[in-house]
C-alpha atoms as a PDB file:
ATOM      1  CA  UNK A   1      91.260 140.017  76.215  1.00  0.00           C
ATOM      2  CA  UNK A   2      90.838 140.126  80.182  1.00  0.00           C
ATOM      3  CA  UNK A   3      91.484 137.313  82.326  1.00  0.00           C
ATOM      4  CA  UNK A   4      90.959 136.906  85.964  1.00  0.00           C
ATOM      5  CA  UNK A   5      93.190 134.773  87.856  1.00  0.00           C
ATOM      6  CA  UNK A   6      92.298 133.150  90.978  1.00  0.00           C
ATOM      7  CA  UNK A   7      94.732 131.257  93.398  1.00  0.00           C
ATOM      8  CA  UNK A   8      93.783 128.934  96.076  1.00  0.00           C
ATOM      9  CA  UNK A   9      96.446 127.618  98.283  1.00  0.00           C
ATOM     10  CA  UNK A  10      96.275 124.500 100.431  1.00  0.00           C
ATOM     11  CA  UNK A  11      99.012 125.290 102.996  1.00  0.00           C
ATOM     12  CA  UNK A  12      99.782 128.188 105.109  1.00  0.00           C
ATOM     13  CA  UNK A  13     101.008 131.521 103.069  1.00  0.00           C
ATOM     14  CA  UNK A  14     103.764 133.729 104.485  1.00  0.00           C
ATOM     15  CA  UNK A  15     104.576 131.227 106.926  1.00  0.00           C
ATOM     16  CA  UNK A  16     108.142 130.026 105.441  1.00  0.00           C
ATOM     17  CA  UNK A  17     106.711 127.150 102.958  1.00  0.00           C
ATOM     18  CA  UNK A  18     107.509 128.622  99.778  1.00  0.00           C
ATOM     19  CA  UNK A  19     104.005 129.520  99.335  1.00  0.00           C
ATOM     20  CA  UNK A  20     105.038 132.564  97.138  1.00  0.00           C
ATOM     21  CA  UNK A  21     107.148 130.198  94.892  1.00  0.00           C
ATOM     22  CA  UNK A  22     104.195 127.774  94.392  1.00  0.00           C
ATOM     23  CA  UNK A  23     101.927 130.763  93.672  1.00  0.00           C
ATOM     24  CA  UNK A  24     104.253 132.052  90.921  1.00  0.00           C
ATOM     25  CA  UNK A  25     104.629 128.339  89.369  1.00  0.00           C
ATOM     26  CA  UNK A  26     100.736 128.002  89.404  1.00  0.00           C
ATOM     27  CA  UNK A  27     100.308 131.342  87.875  1.00  0.00           C
ATOM     28  CA  UNK A  28     103.081 130.791  85.030  1.00  0.00           C
ATOM     29  CA  UNK A  29     101.702 127.332  84.378  1.00  0.00           C
ATOM     30  CA  UNK A  30      97.969 128.502  84.312  1.00  0.00           C
ATOM     31  CA  UNK A  31      98.898 131.538  81.640  1.00  0.00           C
ATOM     32  CA  UNK A  32     100.805 128.899  79.459  1.00  0.00           C
ATOM     33  CA  UNK A  33      97.855 126.690  79.410  1.00  0.00           C
ATOM     34  CA  UNK A  34      95.312 129.354  78.551  1.00  0.00           C
ATOM     35  CA  UNK A  35      97.467 130.727  75.475  1.00  0.00           C
ATOM     36  CA  UNK A  36      98.657 127.243  74.897  1.00  0.00           C
ATOM     37  CA  UNK A  37     102.276 128.376  74.819  1.00  0.00           C
ATOM     38  CA  UNK A  38     104.682 125.518  73.496  1.00  0.00           C
ATOM     39  CA  UNK A  39     107.059 126.284  76.439  1.00  0.00           C
ATOM     40  CA  UNK A  40     108.662 123.347  78.355  1.00  0.00           C
ATOM     41  CA  UNK A  41     108.493 122.959  82.091  1.00  0.00           C
ATOM     42  CA  UNK A  42     112.127 124.221  82.222  1.00  0.00           C
ATOM     43  CA  UNK A  43     111.336 127.378  80.483  1.00  0.00           C
ATOM     44  CA  UNK A  44     108.385 128.093  82.465  1.00  0.00           C
ATOM     45  CA  UNK A  45     110.247 127.468  85.899  1.00  0.00           C
ATOM     46  CA  UNK A  46     112.858 130.046  84.443  1.00  0.00           C
ATOM     47  CA  UNK A  47     110.146 132.556  84.133  1.00  0.00           C
ATOM     48  CA  UNK A  48     108.527 131.923  87.306  1.00  0.00           C
ATOM     49  CA  UNK A  49     111.787 132.166  89.152  1.00  0.00           C
ATOM     50  CA  UNK A  50     112.403 135.653  87.909  1.00  0.00           C
ATOM     51  CA  UNK A  51     109.705 136.926  90.519  1.00  0.00           C
ATOM     52  CA  UNK A  52     111.721 135.146  93.210  1.00  0.00           C
ATOM     53  CA  UNK A  53     115.033 135.066  95.093  1.00  0.00           C
ATOM     54  CA  UNK A  54     115.519 131.379  95.823  1.00  0.00           C
ATOM     55  CA  UNK A  55     117.875 130.015  98.362  1.00  0.00           C
ATOM     56  CA  UNK A  56     119.784 126.963  97.570  1.00  0.00           C
ATOM     57  CA  UNK A  57     117.624 124.536  99.796  1.00  0.00           C
ATOM     58  CA  UNK A  58     114.441 125.555  97.981  1.00  0.00           C
ATOM     59  CA  UNK A  59     115.605 124.361  94.718  1.00  0.00           C
ATOM     60  CA  UNK A  60     113.634 120.933  95.039  1.00  0.00           C
ATOM     61  CA  UNK A  61     110.560 123.100  94.848  1.00  0.00           C
ATOM     62  CA  UNK A  62     111.778 123.784  91.096  1.00  0.00           C
ATOM     63  CA  UNK A  63     113.293 120.344  90.239  1.00  0.00           C
ATOM     64  CA  UNK A  64     113.367 121.506  86.437  1.00  0.00           C
ATOM     65  CA  UNK A  65     116.020 123.523  87.399  1.00  0.00           C
ATOM     66  CA  UNK A  66     118.289 120.926  87.326  1.00  0.00           C
ATOM     67  CA  UNK A  67     116.655 117.837  85.752  1.00  0.00           C
ATOM     68  CA  UNK A  68     112.970 116.864  84.598  1.00  0.00           C
ATOM     69  CA  UNK A  69     110.488 116.499  87.463  1.00  0.00           C
ATOM     70  CA  UNK A  70     110.465 112.779  86.720  1.00  0.00           C
ATOM     71  CA  UNK A  71     114.214 112.547  87.443  1.00  0.00           C
ATOM     72  CA  UNK A  72     114.043 111.534  90.856  1.00  0.00           C
ATOM     73  CA  UNK A  73     110.560 109.970  91.499  1.00  0.00           C
ATOM     74  CA  UNK A  74     111.352 108.288  94.696  1.00  0.00           C
ATOM     75  CA  UNK A  75     111.964 111.660  96.547  1.00  0.00           C
ATOM     76  CA  UNK A  76     109.397 112.488  99.203  1.00  0.00           C
ATOM     77  CA  UNK A  77     108.841 115.271 101.957  1.00  0.00           C
ATOM     78  CA  UNK A  78     107.024 115.533 105.065  1.00  0.00           C
ATOM     79  CA  UNK A  79     106.174 118.918 106.192  1.00  0.00           C
ATOM     80  CA  UNK A  80     105.564 119.661 109.987  1.00  0.00           C
ATOM     81  CA  UNK A  81     103.341 122.684 110.216  1.00  0.00           C
ATOM     82  CA  UNK A  82     104.236 124.338 113.492  1.00  0.00           C
ATOM     83  CA  UNK A  83     102.880 127.629 112.880  1.00  0.00           C
ATOM     84  CA  UNK A  84     100.429 128.907 110.324  1.00  0.00           C
ATOM     85  CA  UNK A  85     100.890 132.553 111.507  1.00  0.00           C
ATOM     86  CA  UNK A  86     102.476 135.121 109.075  1.00  0.00           C
ATOM     87  CA  UNK A  87     106.209 135.413 109.744  1.00  0.00           C
ATOM     88  CA  UNK A  88     107.309 138.757 111.415  1.00  0.00           C
ATOM     89  CA  UNK A  89     110.137 139.693 109.096  1.00  0.00           C
ATOM     90  CA  UNK A  90     109.143 139.287 105.515  1.00  0.00           C
ATOM     91  CA  UNK A  91     111.488 138.817 102.392  1.00  0.00           C
ATOM     92  CA  UNK A  92     112.239 142.670 101.391  1.00  0.00           C
ATOM     93  CA  UNK A  93     113.149 143.624 104.823  1.00  0.00           C
ATOM     94  CA  UNK A  94     114.982 140.634 105.596  1.00  0.00           C
ATOM     95  CA  UNK A  95     117.119 141.378 102.597  1.00  0.00           C
ATOM     96  CA  UNK A  96     117.824 144.705 103.587  1.00  0.00           C
ATOM     97  CA  UNK A  97     119.291 143.460 107.042  1.00  0.00           C
ATOM     98  CA  UNK A  98     121.217 140.718 105.146  1.00  0.00           C
ATOM     99  CA  UNK A  99     122.548 143.090 102.895  1.00  0.00           C
ATOM    100  CA  UNK A 100     123.914 145.327 105.668  1.00  0.00           C
ATOM    101  CA  UNK A 101     125.846 142.394 107.023  1.00  0.00           C
ATOM    102  CA  UNK A 102     127.363 141.432 103.379  1.00  0.00           C
ATOM    103  CA  UNK A 103     130.967 143.097 104.330  1.00  0.00           C
ATOM    104  CA  UNK A 104     131.072 141.149 107.526  1.00  0.00           C
ATOM    105  CA  UNK A 105     129.858 137.933 105.941  1.00  0.00           C
ATOM    106  CA  UNK A 106     132.373 138.157 103.013  1.00  0.00           C
ATOM    107  CA  UNK A 107     135.248 138.313 105.613  1.00  0.00           C
ATOM    108  CA  UNK A 108     134.101 135.174 107.065  1.00  0.00           C
ATOM    109  CA  UNK A 109     133.763 133.358 103.533  1.00  0.00           C
ATOM    110  CA  UNK A 110     129.903 132.731 103.603  1.00  0.00           C
ATOM    111  CA  UNK A 111     129.099 134.226 100.191  1.00  0.00           C
ATOM    112  CA  UNK A 112     131.960 132.260  98.396  1.00  0.00           C
ATOM    113  CA  UNK A 113     130.303 129.007  99.804  1.00  0.00           C
ATOM    114  CA  UNK A 114     127.204 129.272  98.045  1.00  0.00           C
ATOM    115  CA  UNK A 115     128.243 128.768  94.240  1.00  0.00           C
ATOM    116  CA  UNK A 116     130.080 125.950  95.564  1.00  0.00           C
ATOM    117  CA  UNK A 117     127.166 124.522  97.419  1.00  0.00           C
ATOM    118  CA  UNK A 118     124.861 125.027  94.641  1.00  0.00           C
ATOM    119  CA  UNK A 119     127.404 122.968  92.390  1.00  0.00           C
ATOM    120  CA  UNK A 120     127.390 120.249  94.984  1.00  0.00           C
ATOM    121  CA  UNK A 121     123.687 120.078  95.320  1.00  0.00           C
ATOM    122  CA  UNK A 122     123.372 119.980  91.329  1.00  0.00           C
ATOM    123  CA  UNK A 123     125.762 117.027  91.217  1.00  0.00           C
ATOM    124  CA  UNK A 124     124.140 115.082  93.807  1.00  0.00           C
ATOM    125  CA  UNK A 125     120.763 115.512  92.585  1.00  0.00           C
ATOM    126  CA  UNK A 126     121.569 114.554  88.986  1.00  0.00           C
ATOM    127  CA  UNK A 127     123.358 111.500  90.394  1.00  0.00           C
ATOM    128  CA  UNK A 128     120.453 110.838  92.847  1.00  0.00           C
ATOM    129  CA  UNK A 129     122.945 110.664  95.793  1.00  0.00           C
ATOM    130  CA  UNK A 130     120.677 111.209  98.674  1.00  0.00           C
ATOM    131  CA  UNK A 131     123.342 111.289 101.527  1.00  0.00           C
ATOM    132  CA  UNK A 132     125.328 114.001  99.825  1.00  0.00           C
ATOM    133  CA  UNK A 133     122.102 115.949  98.889  1.00  0.00           C
ATOM    134  CA  UNK A 134     120.662 115.649 102.395  1.00  0.00           C
ATOM    135  CA  UNK A 135     124.078 116.717 103.996  1.00  0.00           C
ATOM    136  CA  UNK A 136     124.278 119.747 101.714  1.00  0.00           C
ATOM    137  CA  UNK A 137     120.637 120.633 102.285  1.00  0.00           C
ATOM    138  CA  UNK A 138     120.956 120.742 106.037  1.00  0.00           C
ATOM    139  CA  UNK A 139     124.314 122.714 105.843  1.00  0.00           C
ATOM    140  CA  UNK A 140     122.529 125.339 103.652  1.00  0.00           C
ATOM    141  CA  UNK A 141     119.624 125.629 106.176  1.00  0.00           C
ATOM    142  CA  UNK A 142     122.051 125.975 109.160  1.00  0.00           C
ATOM    143  CA  UNK A 143     124.181 128.590 107.389  1.00  0.00           C
ATOM    144  CA  UNK A 144     121.034 130.635 106.403  1.00  0.00           C
ATOM    145  CA  UNK A 145     119.450 130.836 109.916  1.00  0.00           C
ATOM    146  CA  UNK A 146     122.940 131.584 111.353  1.00  0.00           C
ATOM    147  CA  UNK A 147     123.247 134.417 109.137  1.00  0.00           C
ATOM    148  CA  UNK A 148     119.797 135.836 110.246  1.00  0.00           C
ATOM    149  CA  UNK A 149     120.790 135.484 113.740  1.00  0.00           C
ATOM    150  CA  UNK A 150     123.954 137.380 112.868  1.00  0.00           C
ATOM    151  CA  UNK A 151     121.930 140.449 111.831  1.00  0.00           C
ATOM    152  CA  UNK A 152     121.291 143.440 114.000  1.00  0.00           C
ATOM    153  CA  UNK A 153     118.626 143.452 115.241  1.00  0.00           C
ATOM    154  CA  UNK A 154     118.599 139.657 114.829  1.00  0.00           C
ATOM    155  CA  UNK A 155     115.961 137.814 112.927  1.00  0.00           C
ATOM    156  CA  UNK A 156     114.543 134.685 114.585  1.00  0.00           C
ATOM    157  CA  UNK A 157     112.760 132.197 112.501  1.00  0.00           C
ATOM    158  CA  UNK A 158     113.097 128.986 114.194  1.00  0.00           C
ATOM    159  CA  UNK A 159     111.872 128.004 117.822  1.00  0.00           C
ATOM    160  CA  UNK A 160     111.973 125.170 120.148  1.00  0.00           C
ATOM    161  CA  UNK A 161     109.656 123.019 117.976  1.00  0.00           C
ATOM    162  CA  UNK A 162     111.997 123.453 114.941  1.00  0.00           C
ATOM    163  CA  UNK A 163     114.842 122.590 116.992  1.00  0.00           C
ATOM    164  CA  UNK A 164     112.910 119.331 118.371  1.00  0.00           C
ATOM    165  CA  UNK A 165     112.432 118.438 114.522  1.00  0.00           C
ATOM    166  CA  UNK A 166     116.096 118.847 113.843  1.00  0.00           C
ATOM    167  CA  UNK A 167     117.068 116.757 116.855  1.00  0.00           C
ATOM    168  CA  UNK A 168     114.638 113.911 115.541  1.00  0.00           C
ATOM    169  CA  UNK A 169     116.034 113.884 112.264  1.00  0.00           C
ATOM    170  CA  UNK A 170     119.447 113.470 113.794  1.00  0.00           C
ATOM    171  CA  UNK A 171     118.079 110.743 115.983  1.00  0.00           C
ATOM    172  CA  UNK A 172     116.706 108.985 112.617  1.00  0.00           C
ATOM    173  CA  UNK A 173     120.021 109.258 110.906  1.00  0.00           C
ATOM    174  CA  UNK A 174     121.994 108.157 113.860  1.00  0.00           C
ATOM    175  CA  UNK A 175     119.891 105.056 114.186  1.00  0.00           C
ATOM    176  CA  UNK A 176     120.026 104.065 110.662  1.00  0.00           C
ATOM    177  CA  UNK A 177     123.951 104.726 110.442  1.00  0.00           C
ATOM    178  CA  UNK A 178     123.358 107.022 107.328  1.00  0.00           C
ATOM    179  CA  UNK A 179     121.488 110.094 106.333  1.00  0.00           C
ATOM    180  CA  UNK A 180     118.038 109.070 105.193  1.00  0.00           C
ATOM    181  CA  UNK A 181     116.237 112.175 106.368  1.00  0.00           C
ATOM    182  CA  UNK A 182     117.190 115.904 105.766  1.00  0.00           C
ATOM    183  CA  UNK A 183     115.719 118.892 107.158  1.00  0.00           C
ATOM    184  CA  UNK A 184     115.458 122.370 105.787  1.00  0.00           C
ATOM    185  CA  UNK A 185     113.589 125.620 107.059  1.00  0.00           C
ATOM    186  CA  UNK A 186     113.082 128.788 105.209  1.00  0.00           C
ATOM    187  CA  UNK A 187     111.744 131.988 106.774  1.00  0.00           C
ATOM    188  CA  UNK A 188     109.653 130.364 109.274  1.00  0.00           C
ATOM    189  CA  UNK A 189     109.579 127.623 111.945  1.00  0.00           C
ATOM    190  CA  UNK A 190     107.948 124.765 109.885  1.00  0.00           C
ATOM    191  CA  UNK A 191     110.154 121.866 108.778  1.00  0.00           C
ATOM    192  CA  UNK A 192     110.503 120.354 105.406  1.00  0.00           C
ATOM    193  CA  UNK A 193     112.013 116.936 105.842  1.00  0.00           C
ATOM    194  CA  UNK A 194     113.101 114.920 102.547  1.00  0.00           C
ATOM    195  CA  UNK A 195     113.502 111.256 102.322  1.00  0.00           C
ATOM    196  CA  UNK A 196     113.182 108.761  99.740  1.00  0.00           C
ATOM    197  CA  UNK A 197     110.385 106.382  99.383  1.00  0.00           C
ATOM    198  CA  UNK A 198     112.306 103.273 100.455  1.00  0.00           C
ATOM    199  CA  UNK A 199     112.899 104.907 103.821  1.00  0.00           C
ATOM    200  CA  UNK A 200     109.320 106.146 104.504  1.00  0.00           C
ATOM    201  CA  UNK A 201     108.833 103.870 107.396  1.00  0.00           C
ATOM    202  CA  UNK A 202     112.346 104.544 108.872  1.00  0.00           C
ATOM    203  CA  UNK A 203     111.594 108.386 108.649  1.00  0.00           C
ATOM    204  CA  UNK A 204     107.710 109.071 108.442  1.00  0.00           C
ATOM    205  CA  UNK A 205     107.159 106.060 110.854  1.00  0.00           C
ATOM    206  CA  UNK A 206     109.066 107.856 113.753  1.00  0.00           C
ATOM    207  CA  UNK A 207     106.924 111.034 113.262  1.00  0.00           C
ATOM    208  CA  UNK A 208     103.864 109.101 113.349  1.00  0.00           C
ATOM    209  CA  UNK A 209     104.928 107.396 116.357  1.00  0.00           C
ATOM    210  CA  UNK A 210     105.446 110.847 118.046  1.00  0.00           C
ATOM    211  CA  UNK A 211     102.278 112.853 116.422  1.00  0.00           C
ATOM    212  CA  UNK A 212     100.175 110.155 114.848  1.00  0.00           C
ATOM    213  CA  UNK A 213      97.050 111.871 116.101  1.00  0.00           C
ATOM    214  CA  UNK A 214      97.635 115.208 114.228  1.00  0.00           C
ATOM    215  CA  UNK A 215      95.643 116.162 111.154  1.00  0.00           C
ATOM    216  CA  UNK A 216      97.121 115.391 107.884  1.00  0.00           C
ATOM    217  CA  UNK A 217      97.597 111.497 108.336  1.00  0.00           C
ATOM    218  CA  UNK A 218      94.355 110.551 106.555  1.00  0.00           C
ATOM    219  CA  UNK A 219      94.721 109.343 102.875  1.00  0.00           C
ATOM    220  CA  UNK A 220      96.409 106.376 101.278  1.00  0.00           C
ATOM    221  CA  UNK A 221      99.947 107.258 102.086  1.00  0.00           C
ATOM    222  CA  UNK A 222      99.563 108.503 105.626  1.00  0.00           C
ATOM    223  CA  UNK A 223      97.446 105.518 106.683  1.00  0.00           C
ATOM    224  CA  UNK A 224      99.869 103.031 104.933  1.00  0.00           C
ATOM    225  CA  UNK A 225     102.598 104.477 107.396  1.00  0.00           C
ATOM    226  CA  UNK A 226     102.737 102.448 110.631  1.00  0.00           C
ATOM    227  CA  UNK A 227     104.164 104.036 113.860  1.00  0.00           C
ATOM    228  CA  UNK A 228     105.797 100.849 115.150  1.00  0.00           C
ATOM    229  CA  UNK A 229     107.009 100.146 118.604  1.00  0.00           C
ATOM    230  CA  UNK A 230     110.569  99.970 117.225  1.00  0.00           C
ATOM    231  CA  UNK A 231     109.858 103.446 115.935  1.00  0.00           C
ATOM    232  CA  UNK A 232     108.462 104.510 119.395  1.00  0.00           C
ATOM    233  CA  UNK A 233     111.696 103.185 121.196  1.00  0.00           C
ATOM    234  CA  UNK A 234     113.713 105.241 118.679  1.00  0.00           C
ATOM    235  CA  UNK A 235     111.578 108.281 119.558  1.00  0.00           C
ATOM    236  CA  UNK A 236     112.527 108.047 123.153  1.00  0.00           C
ATOM    237  CA  UNK A 237     115.898 108.472 122.299  1.00  0.00           C
ATOM    238  CA  UNK A 238     115.161 111.969 121.180  1.00  0.00           C
ATOM    239  CA  UNK A 239     114.322 113.131 124.803  1.00  0.00           C
ATOM    240  CA  UNK A 240     112.350 116.266 125.259  1.00  0.00           C
ATOM    241  CA  UNK A 241     111.632 116.542 121.378  1.00  0.00           C
ATOM    242  CA  UNK A 242     108.921 114.090 121.502  1.00  0.00           C
ATOM    243  CA  UNK A 243     106.934 116.409 124.039  1.00  0.00           C
ATOM    244  CA  UNK A 244     107.753 119.450 121.789  1.00  0.00           C
ATOM    245  CA  UNK A 245     106.529 118.217 118.911  1.00  0.00           C
ATOM    246  CA  UNK A 246     103.529 116.861 120.384  1.00  0.00           C
ATOM    247  CA  UNK A 247     102.622 120.014 121.649  1.00  0.00           C
ATOM    248  CA  UNK A 248     103.928 122.367 118.902  1.00  0.00           C
ATOM    249  CA  UNK A 249     103.017 120.700 115.569  1.00  0.00           C
ATOM    250  CA  UNK A 250      99.510 121.379 114.287  1.00  0.00           C
ATOM    251  CA  UNK A 251      99.319 119.237 111.061  1.00  0.00           C
ATOM    252  CA  UNK A 252     101.499 117.489 108.857  1.00  0.00           C
ATOM    253  CA  UNK A 253     101.540 117.437 104.879  1.00  0.00           C
ATOM    254  CA  UNK A 254     102.850 114.524 103.085  1.00  0.00           C
ATOM    255  CA  UNK A 255     104.139 115.429  99.358  1.00  0.00           C
ATOM    256  CA  UNK A 256     105.619 113.571  96.462  1.00  0.00           C
ATOM    257  CA  UNK A 257     107.957 116.331  94.818  1.00  0.00           C
ATOM    258  CA  UNK A 258     108.034 114.565  91.406  1.00  0.00           C
ATOM    259  CA  UNK A 259     104.479 114.871  90.667  1.00  0.00           C
ATOM    260  CA  UNK A 260     103.779 116.861  87.397  1.00  0.00           C
ATOM    261  CA  UNK A 261     101.450 119.757  87.323  1.00  0.00           C
ATOM    262  CA  UNK A 262      97.651 118.679  86.964  1.00  0.00           C
ATOM    263  CA  UNK A 263      95.351 120.637  84.659  1.00  0.00           C
ATOM    264  CA  UNK A 264      91.815 120.790  86.045  1.00  0.00           C
ATOM    265  CA  UNK A 265      88.919 121.984  84.172  1.00  0.00           C
ATOM    266  CA  UNK A 266      85.455 123.124  85.314  1.00  0.00           C
ATOM    267  CA  UNK A 267      82.043 123.069  83.523  1.00  0.00           C
END
């Protein structure tokens, strides 16, 4: 039997937003539906991950790796699309450069951190401890990009707009007195910011006060969030980050990470 697979994505590809992970997940899910396989979401996730090398901070795209998708339904994500352009250094070339640095990295102890960090992230995710989860997520993202910079020639993924997003998250956490927002960047300048539903106003409200005119705010969730005066005063504490985000962000994407896959049928 011959089958034709058509994949349509709603966010930039090859731009550091885990589009390949989403594509593999959709493909495996579609095949399972087609043949009515009894496999569980956890089993399908394991199959899909065989085609990918996934960093620690990308694990939330695969929640069934640690727990069912419904384990933490309050988890949310705000994606700041800084650039939809394809990244200059793709996965395979990047891995070759990083492997060439393995000997130096091992002396600095970086590889030994990852198993421990994965265990820390598993523990905090299963216990739903956002502060611990957020801290490890940001540390992992920083470490990944520091390693990229340490290669020769260096690999640059983050830009000034990316650093403005990091600064804004730091301002939000400082204003609330705890970690309520956590950033992570894959192989690109686009920021993924995690937060809990209860803190949507404190986190997303600040970004809406800054970049409320960008595409992506339409819809029930986006329109519900208010960019209040208090949020705007908080934005001013971020300095030049406000102007950088206004100029550099092209659109935003609001996500609910615990949503189960939906099966769509056509006539």
